[in-house]
């Protein structure tokens, strides 16, 4: 059986890793916005086209 303290540490570690991943993704997104690479995607998404026609 898992000790309560071990479980809390495991959960805290998982949350910390997830937060780090989210920060990294947000930083990448902000850089893409700064580079102008996000605008095209947002325009495409707003157009309502289906996923099969994602521009490459």
C-alpha atoms as a PDB file:
ATOM      1  CA  UNK A   1       0.000   0.000   0.000  1.00  0.00           C
ATOM      2  CA  UNK A   2       1.231   3.489  -0.832  1.00  0.00           C
ATOM      3  CA  UNK A   3       2.110   5.694   2.095  1.00  0.00           C
ATOM      4  CA  UNK A   4       0.121   8.949   2.212  1.00  0.00           C
ATOM      5  CA  UNK A   5       3.309  11.044   2.182  1.00  0.00           C
ATOM      6  CA  UNK A   6       4.645   9.115  -0.820  1.00  0.00           C
ATOM      7  CA  UNK A   7       1.347   9.643  -2.619  1.00  0.00           C
ATOM      8  CA  UNK A   8       1.366  13.391  -1.898  1.00  0.00           C
ATOM      9  CA  UNK A   9       4.973  13.686  -3.082  1.00  0.00           C
ATOM     10  CA  UNK A  10       4.175  11.726  -6.239  1.00  0.00           C
ATOM     11  CA  UNK A  11       1.155  13.919  -6.952  1.00  0.00           C
ATOM     12  CA  UNK A  12       3.105  17.107  -6.255  1.00  0.00           C
ATOM     13  CA  UNK A  13       5.878  15.933  -8.604  1.00  0.00           C
ATOM     14  CA  UNK A  14       3.357  15.186 -11.361  1.00  0.00           C
ATOM     15  CA  UNK A  15       1.716  18.602 -10.928  1.00  0.00           C
ATOM     16  CA  UNK A  16       5.109  20.347 -11.016  1.00  0.00           C
ATOM     17  CA  UNK A  17       6.048  18.519 -14.227  1.00  0.00           C
ATOM     18  CA  UNK A  18       2.714  19.394 -15.823  1.00  0.00           C
ATOM     19  CA  UNK A  19       3.084  23.048 -14.838  1.00  0.00           C
ATOM     20  CA  UNK A  20       6.591  23.116 -16.337  1.00  0.00           C
ATOM     21  CA  UNK A  21       5.258  21.577 -19.573  1.00  0.00           C
ATOM     22  CA  UNK A  22       2.429  24.113 -19.757  1.00  0.00           C
ATOM     23  CA  UNK A  23       4.829  27.000 -19.199  1.00  0.00           C
ATOM     24  CA  UNK A  24       7.044  25.661 -21.988  1.00  0.00           C
ATOM     25  CA  UNK A  25       4.099  25.351 -24.383  1.00  0.00           C
ATOM     26  CA  UNK A  26       2.900  28.866 -23.497  1.00  0.00           C
ATOM     27  CA  UNK A  27       6.400  30.258 -24.078  1.00  0.00           C
ATOM     28  CA  UNK A  28       6.553  28.517 -27.471  1.00  0.00           C
ATOM     29  CA  UNK A  29       3.119  29.881 -28.382  1.00  0.00           C
ATOM     30  CA  UNK A  30       4.122  33.421 -27.400  1.00  0.00           C
ATOM     31  CA  UNK A  31       7.275  33.113 -29.508  1.00  0.00           C
ATOM     32  CA  UNK A  32       5.212  31.865 -32.447  1.00  0.00           C
ATOM     33  CA  UNK A  33       2.876  34.862 -32.024  1.00  0.00           C
ATOM     34  CA  UNK A  34       5.855  37.204 -31.977  1.00  0.00           C
ATOM     35  CA  UNK A  35       7.168  35.574 -35.157  1.00  0.00           C
ATOM     36  CA  UNK A  36       3.765  35.875 -36.851  1.00  0.00           C
ATOM     37  CA  UNK A  37       3.384  32.098 -37.201  1.00  0.00           C
ATOM     38  CA  UNK A  38       0.202  31.895 -35.114  1.00  0.00           C
ATOM     39  CA  UNK A  39      -1.836  34.411 -37.081  1.00  0.00           C
ATOM     40  CA  UNK A  40      -2.302  32.067 -40.044  1.00  0.00           C
ATOM     41  CA  UNK A  41      -3.489  29.246 -37.800  1.00  0.00           C
ATOM     42  CA  UNK A  42      -5.939  31.506 -35.976  1.00  0.00           C
ATOM     43  CA  UNK A  43      -7.338  32.774 -39.295  1.00  0.00           C
ATOM     44  CA  UNK A  44      -7.708  29.199 -40.538  1.00  0.00           C
ATOM     45  CA  UNK A  45      -9.410  28.123 -37.309  1.00  0.00           C
ATOM     46  CA  UNK A  46     -11.795  31.088 -37.480  1.00  0.00           C
ATOM     47  CA  UNK A  47     -12.739  30.155 -41.045  1.00  0.00           C
ATOM     48  CA  UNK A  48     -14.496  27.022 -39.745  1.00  0.00           C
ATOM     49  CA  UNK A  49     -12.779  24.622 -42.157  1.00  0.00           C
ATOM     50  CA  UNK A  50     -12.516  20.959 -41.254  1.00  0.00           C
ATOM     51  CA  UNK A  51      -9.359  19.460 -39.790  1.00  0.00           C
ATOM     52  CA  UNK A  52      -8.715  17.469 -42.960  1.00  0.00           C
ATOM     53  CA  UNK A  53      -7.754  20.695 -44.693  1.00  0.00           C
ATOM     54  CA  UNK A  54      -5.093  21.821 -42.218  1.00  0.00           C
ATOM     55  CA  UNK A  55      -2.499  23.812 -44.173  1.00  0.00           C
ATOM     56  CA  UNK A  56       0.970  22.282 -44.040  1.00  0.00           C
END
